[in-house]
């Protein structure tokens, strides 16, 4: 069998971020959505799982991401919604159940979140790579705060269980 026929195209899993009042995606969420769309258009992934529940403002992060992806031309058939996750472990555990066993995944989240996301994916038995949106235009304070939070969360996840 040729390599092109045996290759399984990865599925993207986009980890949620804040939704603002009125169902508007935050800049962080927007960057992740745009990164997923670019990966799909470049044929790096053939499906996009959007994962995230309802935070401070409805609707769910997954619903907001799915709507935004459709609005920029990603076909509905390529989008899978996981609308209940409230943390990184749930994002990946619940998303993993929605894709065929053994399918490689591309985790789409910010660079400072990737180490913990990859750790969780590995523990769930997922074959995962990662893709991060550029931080251009990101709020510096938010990036620093997120990086510090992720540093602590990574170590907590590393030693739990």
N, C-alpha and C. Protein backbone atom coordinates (compact mmCIF):
# COMPACT_ATOMS: atom_id res chain seq x y z
N UNK A 1 0.85 -1.18 0.00
CA UNK A 1 0.00 0.00 0.00
C UNK A 1 0.89 1.24 0.00
N UNK A 2 0.55 2.22 -0.80
CA UNK A 2 1.38 3.42 -0.86
C UNK A 2 1.22 4.26 0.39
N UNK A 3 2.22 5.08 0.65
CA UNK A 3 2.18 5.93 1.85
C UNK A 3 1.00 6.87 1.81
N UNK A 4 0.64 7.36 0.62
CA UNK A 4 -0.48 8.31 0.54
C UNK A 4 -1.80 7.64 0.88
N UNK A 5 -1.95 6.36 0.56
CA UNK A 5 -3.19 5.67 0.87
C UNK A 5 -3.25 5.22 2.33
N UNK A 6 -2.11 4.96 2.94
CA UNK A 6 -2.12 4.47 4.31
C UNK A 6 -2.10 5.60 5.34
N UNK A 7 -1.80 6.80 4.90
CA UNK A 7 -1.69 7.93 5.83
C UNK A 7 -3.07 8.34 6.33
N UNK A 8 -3.17 8.53 7.61
CA UNK A 8 -4.41 9.00 8.21
C UNK A 8 -4.24 10.49 8.47
N UNK A 9 -5.15 11.29 7.94
CA UNK A 9 -5.08 12.73 8.15
C UNK A 9 -5.52 13.05 9.57
N UNK A 10 -4.75 13.86 10.26
CA UNK A 10 -5.11 14.20 11.65
C UNK A 10 -6.41 15.00 11.75
N UNK A 11 -6.94 14.96 12.94
CA UNK A 11 -8.09 15.77 13.32
C UNK A 11 -7.59 16.85 14.26
N UNK A 12 -8.02 18.08 14.03
CA UNK A 12 -7.67 19.18 14.95
C UNK A 12 -8.60 19.14 16.15
N UNK A 13 -8.07 19.44 17.30
CA UNK A 13 -8.88 19.68 18.49
C UNK A 13 -8.54 21.09 18.95
N UNK A 14 -9.54 21.97 18.87
CA UNK A 14 -9.35 23.36 19.27
C UNK A 14 -9.84 23.50 20.70
N UNK A 15 -8.94 23.87 21.60
CA UNK A 15 -9.30 24.04 23.00
C UNK A 15 -9.89 25.42 23.20
N UNK A 16 -10.98 25.46 23.95
CA UNK A 16 -11.74 26.70 24.11
C UNK A 16 -11.02 27.78 24.88
N UNK A 17 -11.59 28.96 24.79
CA UNK A 17 -11.15 30.14 25.52
C UNK A 17 -12.39 31.01 25.71
N UNK A 18 -12.22 32.14 26.32
CA UNK A 18 -13.36 32.96 26.72
C UNK A 18 -14.26 33.38 25.56
N UNK A 19 -15.55 33.39 25.89
CA UNK A 19 -16.57 33.98 25.03
C UNK A 19 -17.05 35.23 25.75
N UNK A 20 -17.12 36.32 25.02
CA UNK A 20 -17.55 37.59 25.62
C UNK A 20 -19.06 37.75 25.50
N UNK A 21 -19.60 38.74 26.15
CA UNK A 21 -21.04 39.02 26.12
C UNK A 21 -21.53 39.07 24.68
N UNK A 22 -22.71 38.53 24.48
CA UNK A 22 -23.30 38.51 23.15
C UNK A 22 -22.77 37.39 22.27
N UNK A 23 -22.04 36.45 22.87
CA UNK A 23 -21.52 35.32 22.10
C UNK A 23 -20.36 35.67 21.20
N UNK A 24 -19.63 36.73 21.54
CA UNK A 24 -18.49 37.18 20.74
C UNK A 24 -17.23 36.43 21.20
N UNK A 25 -16.49 35.83 20.26
CA UNK A 25 -15.26 35.15 20.68
C UNK A 25 -14.21 36.16 21.13
N UNK A 26 -13.53 35.85 22.22
CA UNK A 26 -12.43 36.70 22.69
C UNK A 26 -11.32 36.69 21.65
N UNK A 27 -10.39 37.64 21.72
CA UNK A 27 -9.26 37.61 20.78
C UNK A 27 -8.48 36.29 20.83
N UNK A 28 -8.32 35.72 22.02
CA UNK A 28 -7.63 34.44 22.14
C UNK A 28 -8.37 33.36 21.38
N UNK A 29 -9.68 33.29 21.57
CA UNK A 29 -10.49 32.29 20.87
C UNK A 29 -10.46 32.54 19.37
N UNK A 30 -10.52 33.79 18.96
CA UNK A 30 -10.47 34.13 17.54
C UNK A 30 -9.18 33.64 16.90
N UNK A 31 -8.05 33.84 17.57
CA UNK A 31 -6.77 33.36 17.03
C UNK A 31 -6.77 31.84 16.87
N UNK A 32 -7.35 31.14 17.81
CA UNK A 32 -7.40 29.67 17.72
C UNK A 32 -8.30 29.24 16.56
N UNK A 33 -9.43 29.91 16.39
CA UNK A 33 -10.35 29.61 15.29
C UNK A 33 -9.64 29.82 13.95
N UNK A 34 -8.96 30.94 13.81
CA UNK A 34 -8.26 31.24 12.56
C UNK A 34 -7.15 30.23 12.28
N UNK A 35 -6.47 29.78 13.31
CA UNK A 35 -5.41 28.77 13.15
C UNK A 35 -6.00 27.45 12.68
N UNK A 36 -7.13 27.06 13.25
CA UNK A 36 -7.80 25.82 12.82
C UNK A 36 -8.24 25.92 11.37
N UNK A 37 -8.78 27.06 10.98
CA UNK A 37 -9.22 27.24 9.60
C UNK A 37 -8.04 27.15 8.63
N UNK A 38 -6.92 27.78 8.99
CA UNK A 38 -5.73 27.70 8.14
C UNK A 38 -5.24 26.25 8.00
N UNK A 39 -5.24 25.52 9.10
CA UNK A 39 -4.80 24.12 9.06
C UNK A 39 -5.72 23.29 8.17
N UNK A 40 -7.02 23.55 8.24
CA UNK A 40 -7.98 22.82 7.41
C UNK A 40 -7.77 23.15 5.93
N UNK A 41 -7.64 24.43 5.64
CA UNK A 41 -7.46 24.85 4.24
C UNK A 41 -6.15 24.33 3.65
N UNK A 42 -5.14 24.18 4.50
CA UNK A 42 -3.84 23.66 4.06
C UNK A 42 -3.82 22.13 4.02
N UNK A 43 -4.97 21.52 4.33
CA UNK A 43 -5.12 20.06 4.35
C UNK A 43 -4.22 19.39 5.37
N UNK A 44 -3.88 20.12 6.44
CA UNK A 44 -3.12 19.53 7.54
C UNK A 44 -4.04 18.70 8.43
N UNK A 45 -5.33 19.01 8.42
CA UNK A 45 -6.34 18.28 9.17
C UNK A 45 -7.56 18.11 8.27
N UNK A 46 -8.34 17.07 8.55
CA UNK A 46 -9.55 16.90 7.74
C UNK A 46 -10.84 17.13 8.52
N UNK A 47 -10.71 17.26 9.82
CA UNK A 47 -11.86 17.59 10.68
C UNK A 47 -11.36 18.50 11.78
N UNK A 48 -12.32 19.22 12.35
CA UNK A 48 -11.99 20.13 13.45
C UNK A 48 -12.97 19.88 14.58
N UNK A 49 -12.46 19.40 15.71
CA UNK A 49 -13.28 19.28 16.91
C UNK A 49 -13.10 20.58 17.69
N UNK A 50 -14.20 21.24 17.99
CA UNK A 50 -14.16 22.46 18.79
C UNK A 50 -14.69 22.10 20.17
N UNK A 51 -13.91 22.39 21.19
CA UNK A 51 -14.24 21.91 22.53
C UNK A 51 -14.28 23.04 23.54
N UNK A 52 -15.39 23.12 24.26
CA UNK A 52 -15.51 24.09 25.33
C UNK A 52 -16.96 24.31 25.71
N UNK A 53 -17.20 24.35 27.00
CA UNK A 53 -18.55 24.55 27.52
C UNK A 53 -18.90 26.02 27.67
N UNK A 54 -19.95 26.26 28.44
CA UNK A 54 -20.41 27.62 28.70
C UNK A 54 -19.60 28.19 29.86
N UNK A 55 -19.00 29.33 29.63
CA UNK A 55 -18.24 30.02 30.67
C UNK A 55 -19.07 31.13 31.27
N UNK A 56 -18.49 32.29 31.39
CA UNK A 56 -19.18 33.45 31.97
C UNK A 56 -20.35 33.89 31.11
N UNK A 57 -20.20 33.79 29.78
CA UNK A 57 -21.25 34.23 28.86
C UNK A 57 -21.62 33.10 27.91
N UNK A 58 -22.92 32.85 27.74
CA UNK A 58 -23.33 31.86 26.75
C UNK A 58 -23.18 32.44 25.34
N UNK A 59 -23.22 31.58 24.34
CA UNK A 59 -23.36 30.13 24.37
C UNK A 59 -22.02 29.45 24.66
N UNK A 60 -21.98 28.15 24.43
CA UNK A 60 -20.75 27.41 24.71
C UNK A 60 -19.62 27.88 23.78
N UNK A 61 -18.40 27.70 24.27
CA UNK A 61 -17.22 28.02 23.46
C UNK A 61 -17.26 27.22 22.16
N UNK A 62 -17.69 25.95 22.24
CA UNK A 62 -17.76 25.11 21.04
C UNK A 62 -18.74 25.68 20.02
N UNK A 63 -19.89 26.13 20.48
CA UNK A 63 -20.89 26.69 19.57
C UNK A 63 -20.36 27.96 18.89
N UNK A 64 -19.71 28.81 19.66
CA UNK A 64 -19.15 30.04 19.11
C UNK A 64 -18.08 29.72 18.07
N UNK A 65 -17.20 28.76 18.38
CA UNK A 65 -16.15 28.39 17.43
C UNK A 65 -16.74 27.79 16.16
N UNK A 66 -17.72 26.90 16.31
CA UNK A 66 -18.34 26.26 15.14
C UNK A 66 -18.99 27.31 14.25
N UNK A 67 -19.70 28.24 14.85
CA UNK A 67 -20.35 29.31 14.07
C UNK A 67 -19.31 30.14 13.32
N UNK A 68 -18.24 30.50 14.01
CA UNK A 68 -17.19 31.32 13.38
C UNK A 68 -16.51 30.56 12.24
N UNK A 69 -16.26 29.28 12.43
CA UNK A 69 -15.65 28.48 11.37
C UNK A 69 -16.56 28.41 10.15
N UNK A 70 -17.85 28.19 10.38
CA UNK A 70 -18.81 28.17 9.26
C UNK A 70 -18.83 29.52 8.55
N UNK A 71 -18.80 30.59 9.34
CA UNK A 71 -18.84 31.95 8.77
C UNK A 71 -17.65 32.25 7.87
N UNK A 72 -16.52 31.58 8.10
CA UNK A 72 -15.34 31.82 7.25
C UNK A 72 -15.13 30.69 6.24
N UNK A 73 -16.19 29.91 6.01
CA UNK A 73 -16.18 28.96 4.91
C UNK A 73 -15.77 27.53 5.19
N UNK A 74 -15.61 27.17 6.45
CA UNK A 74 -15.30 25.77 6.77
C UNK A 74 -16.62 24.99 6.71
N UNK A 75 -16.67 23.90 5.96
CA UNK A 75 -17.93 23.17 5.82
C UNK A 75 -18.40 22.55 7.14
N UNK A 76 -19.69 22.57 7.33
CA UNK A 76 -20.28 22.01 8.55
C UNK A 76 -19.87 20.56 8.76
N UNK A 77 -19.74 19.81 7.67
CA UNK A 77 -19.37 18.39 7.77
C UNK A 77 -17.98 18.18 8.36
N UNK A 78 -17.15 19.22 8.35
CA UNK A 78 -15.79 19.11 8.88
C UNK A 78 -15.70 19.51 10.34
N UNK A 79 -16.81 19.98 10.92
CA UNK A 79 -16.80 20.52 12.28
C UNK A 79 -17.54 19.57 13.22
N UNK A 80 -16.91 19.25 14.34
CA UNK A 80 -17.52 18.41 15.37
C UNK A 80 -17.53 19.24 16.65
N UNK A 81 -18.69 19.36 17.28
CA UNK A 81 -18.79 20.17 18.50
C UNK A 81 -18.77 19.30 19.76
N UNK A 82 -17.97 19.72 20.72
CA UNK A 82 -17.95 19.14 22.06
C UNK A 82 -18.25 20.31 22.99
N UNK A 83 -19.52 20.48 23.42
CA UNK A 83 -19.94 21.71 24.10
C UNK A 83 -20.00 21.67 25.63
N UNK A 84 -19.32 20.72 26.27
CA UNK A 84 -19.49 20.62 27.72
C UNK A 84 -18.21 20.76 28.54
N UNK A 85 -17.05 20.66 27.93
CA UNK A 85 -15.79 20.68 28.68
C UNK A 85 -15.58 22.01 29.40
N UNK A 86 -15.03 21.90 30.61
CA UNK A 86 -14.75 23.11 31.40
C UNK A 86 -13.28 23.24 31.79
N UNK A 87 -12.45 22.29 31.35
CA UNK A 87 -11.02 22.37 31.63
C UNK A 87 -10.26 21.54 30.59
N UNK A 88 -8.96 21.61 30.63
CA UNK A 88 -8.13 20.95 29.62
C UNK A 88 -8.33 19.44 29.61
N UNK A 89 -8.40 18.83 30.77
CA UNK A 89 -8.62 17.39 30.83
C UNK A 89 -9.94 17.02 30.17
N UNK A 90 -11.01 17.73 30.50
CA UNK A 90 -12.30 17.47 29.88
C UNK A 90 -12.26 17.73 28.38
N UNK A 91 -11.62 18.84 27.96
CA UNK A 91 -11.50 19.14 26.53
C UNK A 91 -11.00 17.91 25.77
N UNK A 92 -9.93 17.34 26.27
CA UNK A 92 -9.29 16.25 25.54
C UNK A 92 -9.98 14.91 25.74
N UNK A 93 -10.41 14.63 26.95
CA UNK A 93 -11.09 13.35 27.20
C UNK A 93 -12.39 13.27 26.39
N UNK A 94 -13.19 14.32 26.44
CA UNK A 94 -14.47 14.31 25.73
C UNK A 94 -14.29 14.38 24.22
N UNK A 95 -13.31 15.13 23.76
CA UNK A 95 -13.04 15.21 22.31
C UNK A 95 -12.52 13.88 21.78
N UNK A 96 -11.69 13.22 22.55
CA UNK A 96 -11.11 11.92 22.16
C UNK A 96 -12.21 10.92 21.84
N UNK A 97 -13.31 10.98 22.57
CA UNK A 97 -14.43 10.06 22.36
C UNK A 97 -15.17 10.31 21.04
N UNK A 98 -14.98 11.48 20.47
CA UNK A 98 -15.72 11.86 19.26
C UNK A 98 -15.00 11.53 17.96
N UNK A 99 -13.77 11.03 18.06
CA UNK A 99 -13.00 10.73 16.85
C UNK A 99 -12.62 9.25 16.84
N UNK A 100 -12.41 8.69 15.65
CA UNK A 100 -12.06 7.27 15.58
C UNK A 100 -10.78 6.95 16.36
N UNK A 101 -10.78 5.81 17.00
CA UNK A 101 -9.62 5.36 17.77
C UNK A 101 -8.38 5.35 16.89
N UNK A 102 -7.28 5.84 17.43
CA UNK A 102 -6.02 5.84 16.71
C UNK A 102 -5.79 7.02 15.78
N UNK A 103 -6.79 7.87 15.63
CA UNK A 103 -6.63 9.04 14.76
C UNK A 103 -5.64 10.01 15.40
N UNK A 104 -4.61 10.41 14.66
CA UNK A 104 -3.71 11.42 15.22
C UNK A 104 -4.43 12.76 15.34
N UNK A 105 -4.01 13.54 16.31
CA UNK A 105 -4.66 14.83 16.53
C UNK A 105 -3.63 15.96 16.52
N UNK A 106 -4.12 17.13 16.16
CA UNK A 106 -3.33 18.36 16.24
C UNK A 106 -4.03 19.24 17.26
N UNK A 107 -3.37 19.51 18.37
CA UNK A 107 -3.95 20.34 19.43
C UNK A 107 -3.73 21.81 19.07
N UNK A 108 -4.82 22.55 19.03
CA UNK A 108 -4.72 23.97 18.71
C UNK A 108 -5.08 24.77 19.96
N UNK A 109 -4.05 25.39 20.51
CA UNK A 109 -4.18 26.25 21.68
C UNK A 109 -2.94 27.13 21.74
N UNK A 110 -2.92 28.06 22.65
CA UNK A 110 -1.77 28.96 22.74
C UNK A 110 -0.51 28.21 23.16
N UNK A 111 0.63 28.74 22.75
CA UNK A 111 1.92 28.08 23.00
C UNK A 111 2.15 27.82 24.49
N UNK A 112 1.76 28.76 25.33
CA UNK A 112 1.99 28.57 26.77
C UNK A 112 1.12 27.47 27.35
N UNK A 113 0.06 27.08 26.66
CA UNK A 113 -0.86 26.02 27.11
C UNK A 113 -0.47 24.65 26.54
N UNK A 114 0.34 24.65 25.49
CA UNK A 114 0.66 23.40 24.80
C UNK A 114 1.32 22.33 25.68
N UNK A 115 2.29 22.65 26.53
CA UNK A 115 2.91 21.56 27.32
C UNK A 115 1.89 20.77 28.14
N UNK A 116 0.97 21.47 28.79
CA UNK A 116 -0.03 20.76 29.59
C UNK A 116 -1.01 20.01 28.70
N UNK A 117 -1.43 20.62 27.60
CA UNK A 117 -2.35 19.94 26.69
C UNK A 117 -1.72 18.67 26.13
N UNK A 118 -0.46 18.74 25.74
CA UNK A 118 0.22 17.54 25.22
C UNK A 118 0.40 16.48 26.30
N UNK A 119 0.68 16.90 27.53
CA UNK A 119 0.79 15.95 28.65
C UNK A 119 -0.52 15.19 28.83
N UNK A 120 -1.62 15.92 28.86
CA UNK A 120 -2.94 15.29 29.03
C UNK A 120 -3.22 14.35 27.86
N UNK A 121 -2.98 14.81 26.64
CA UNK A 121 -3.24 13.98 25.46
C UNK A 121 -2.43 12.69 25.52
N UNK A 122 -1.17 12.80 25.87
CA UNK A 122 -0.31 11.61 25.97
C UNK A 122 -0.86 10.64 27.01
N UNK A 123 -1.30 11.15 28.15
CA UNK A 123 -1.85 10.28 29.19
C UNK A 123 -3.15 9.61 28.76
N UNK A 124 -3.86 10.23 27.84
CA UNK A 124 -5.09 9.64 27.32
C UNK A 124 -4.82 8.68 26.16
N UNK A 125 -3.55 8.52 25.81
CA UNK A 125 -3.18 7.61 24.73
C UNK A 125 -3.33 8.20 23.34
N UNK A 126 -3.41 9.50 23.25
CA UNK A 126 -3.57 10.16 21.96
C UNK A 126 -2.20 10.42 21.33
N UNK A 127 -2.15 10.25 20.02
CA UNK A 127 -0.95 10.62 19.26
C UNK A 127 -1.16 12.08 18.85
N UNK A 128 -0.50 12.98 19.56
CA UNK A 128 -0.79 14.41 19.38
C UNK A 128 0.43 15.22 19.01
N UNK A 129 0.21 16.14 18.09
CA UNK A 129 1.16 17.21 17.81
C UNK A 129 0.43 18.50 18.15
N UNK A 130 1.10 19.62 18.00
CA UNK A 130 0.44 20.87 18.39
C UNK A 130 0.68 21.96 17.37
N UNK A 131 -0.22 22.91 17.38
CA UNK A 131 -0.15 24.06 16.50
C UNK A 131 -0.69 25.24 17.30
N UNK A 132 0.10 26.29 17.38
CA UNK A 132 -0.30 27.45 18.17
C UNK A 132 -0.49 28.67 17.28
N UNK A 133 -1.50 29.46 17.60
CA UNK A 133 -1.68 30.71 16.84
C UNK A 133 -0.57 31.69 17.18
N UNK A 134 -0.28 32.59 16.26
CA UNK A 134 0.69 33.63 16.58
C UNK A 134 0.13 34.52 17.69
N UNK A 135 1.00 35.03 18.52
CA UNK A 135 0.55 35.89 19.62
C UNK A 135 0.47 37.36 19.20
N UNK A 136 0.65 37.62 17.92
CA UNK A 136 0.55 38.98 17.41
C UNK A 136 -0.81 39.57 17.80
N UNK A 137 -0.76 40.71 18.43
CA UNK A 137 -1.99 41.37 18.85
C UNK A 137 -2.52 40.89 20.19
N UNK A 138 -1.85 39.91 20.80
CA UNK A 138 -2.30 39.40 22.09
C UNK A 138 -1.99 40.41 23.19
N UNK A 139 -2.80 40.40 24.20
CA UNK A 139 -2.61 41.26 25.36
C UNK A 139 -1.42 40.72 26.16
N UNK A 140 -0.37 41.53 26.31
CA UNK A 140 0.85 41.09 26.99
C UNK A 140 0.57 40.63 28.42
N UNK A 141 -0.24 41.36 29.13
CA UNK A 141 -0.56 40.98 30.51
C UNK A 141 -1.23 39.61 30.55
N UNK A 142 -2.15 39.38 29.62
CA UNK A 142 -2.84 38.09 29.56
C UNK A 142 -1.86 36.96 29.23
N UNK A 143 -0.92 37.21 28.34
CA UNK A 143 0.06 36.18 27.98
C UNK A 143 0.95 35.85 29.18
N UNK A 144 1.40 36.87 29.89
CA UNK A 144 2.25 36.64 31.07
C UNK A 144 1.46 35.90 32.15
N UNK A 145 0.25 36.35 32.43
CA UNK A 145 -0.60 35.70 33.43
C UNK A 145 -0.89 34.25 33.03
N UNK A 146 -1.24 34.05 31.75
CA UNK A 146 -1.52 32.71 31.27
C UNK A 146 -0.31 31.80 31.35
N UNK A 147 0.85 32.34 31.05
CA UNK A 147 2.08 31.55 31.12
C UNK A 147 2.39 31.12 32.55
N UNK A 148 2.23 32.03 33.49
CA UNK A 148 2.45 31.68 34.90
C UNK A 148 1.44 30.64 35.38
N UNK A 149 0.18 30.84 35.03
CA UNK A 149 -0.86 29.88 35.40
C UNK A 149 -0.55 28.51 34.82
N UNK A 150 -0.14 28.48 33.56
CA UNK A 150 0.16 27.21 32.91
C UNK A 150 1.38 26.53 33.50
N UNK A 151 2.37 27.30 33.91
CA UNK A 151 3.55 26.72 34.55
C UNK A 151 3.12 25.94 35.80
N UNK A 152 2.29 26.57 36.62
CA UNK A 152 1.83 25.91 37.85
C UNK A 152 0.89 24.75 37.53
N UNK A 153 -0.01 24.96 36.59
CA UNK A 153 -0.97 23.91 36.24
C UNK A 153 -0.26 22.69 35.64
N UNK A 154 0.77 22.93 34.85
CA UNK A 154 1.52 21.82 34.27
C UNK A 154 2.06 20.92 35.37
N UNK A 155 2.70 21.50 36.37
CA UNK A 155 3.28 20.70 37.45
C UNK A 155 2.20 20.01 38.26
N UNK A 156 1.08 20.66 38.45
CA UNK A 156 -0.03 20.04 39.18
C UNK A 156 -0.55 18.83 38.39
N UNK A 157 -0.75 18.99 37.09
CA UNK A 157 -1.21 17.88 36.25
C UNK A 157 -0.17 16.77 36.19
N UNK A 158 1.10 17.13 36.16
CA UNK A 158 2.16 16.15 36.06
C UNK A 158 2.14 15.17 37.23
N UNK A 159 1.86 15.68 38.41
CA UNK A 159 1.93 14.84 39.61
C UNK A 159 0.59 14.36 40.13
N UNK A 160 -0.51 14.75 39.51
CA UNK A 160 -1.80 14.25 39.96
C UNK A 160 -1.99 12.83 39.44
N UNK A 161 -2.84 12.09 40.07
CA UNK A 161 -3.11 10.67 39.75
C UNK A 161 -1.91 9.84 40.10
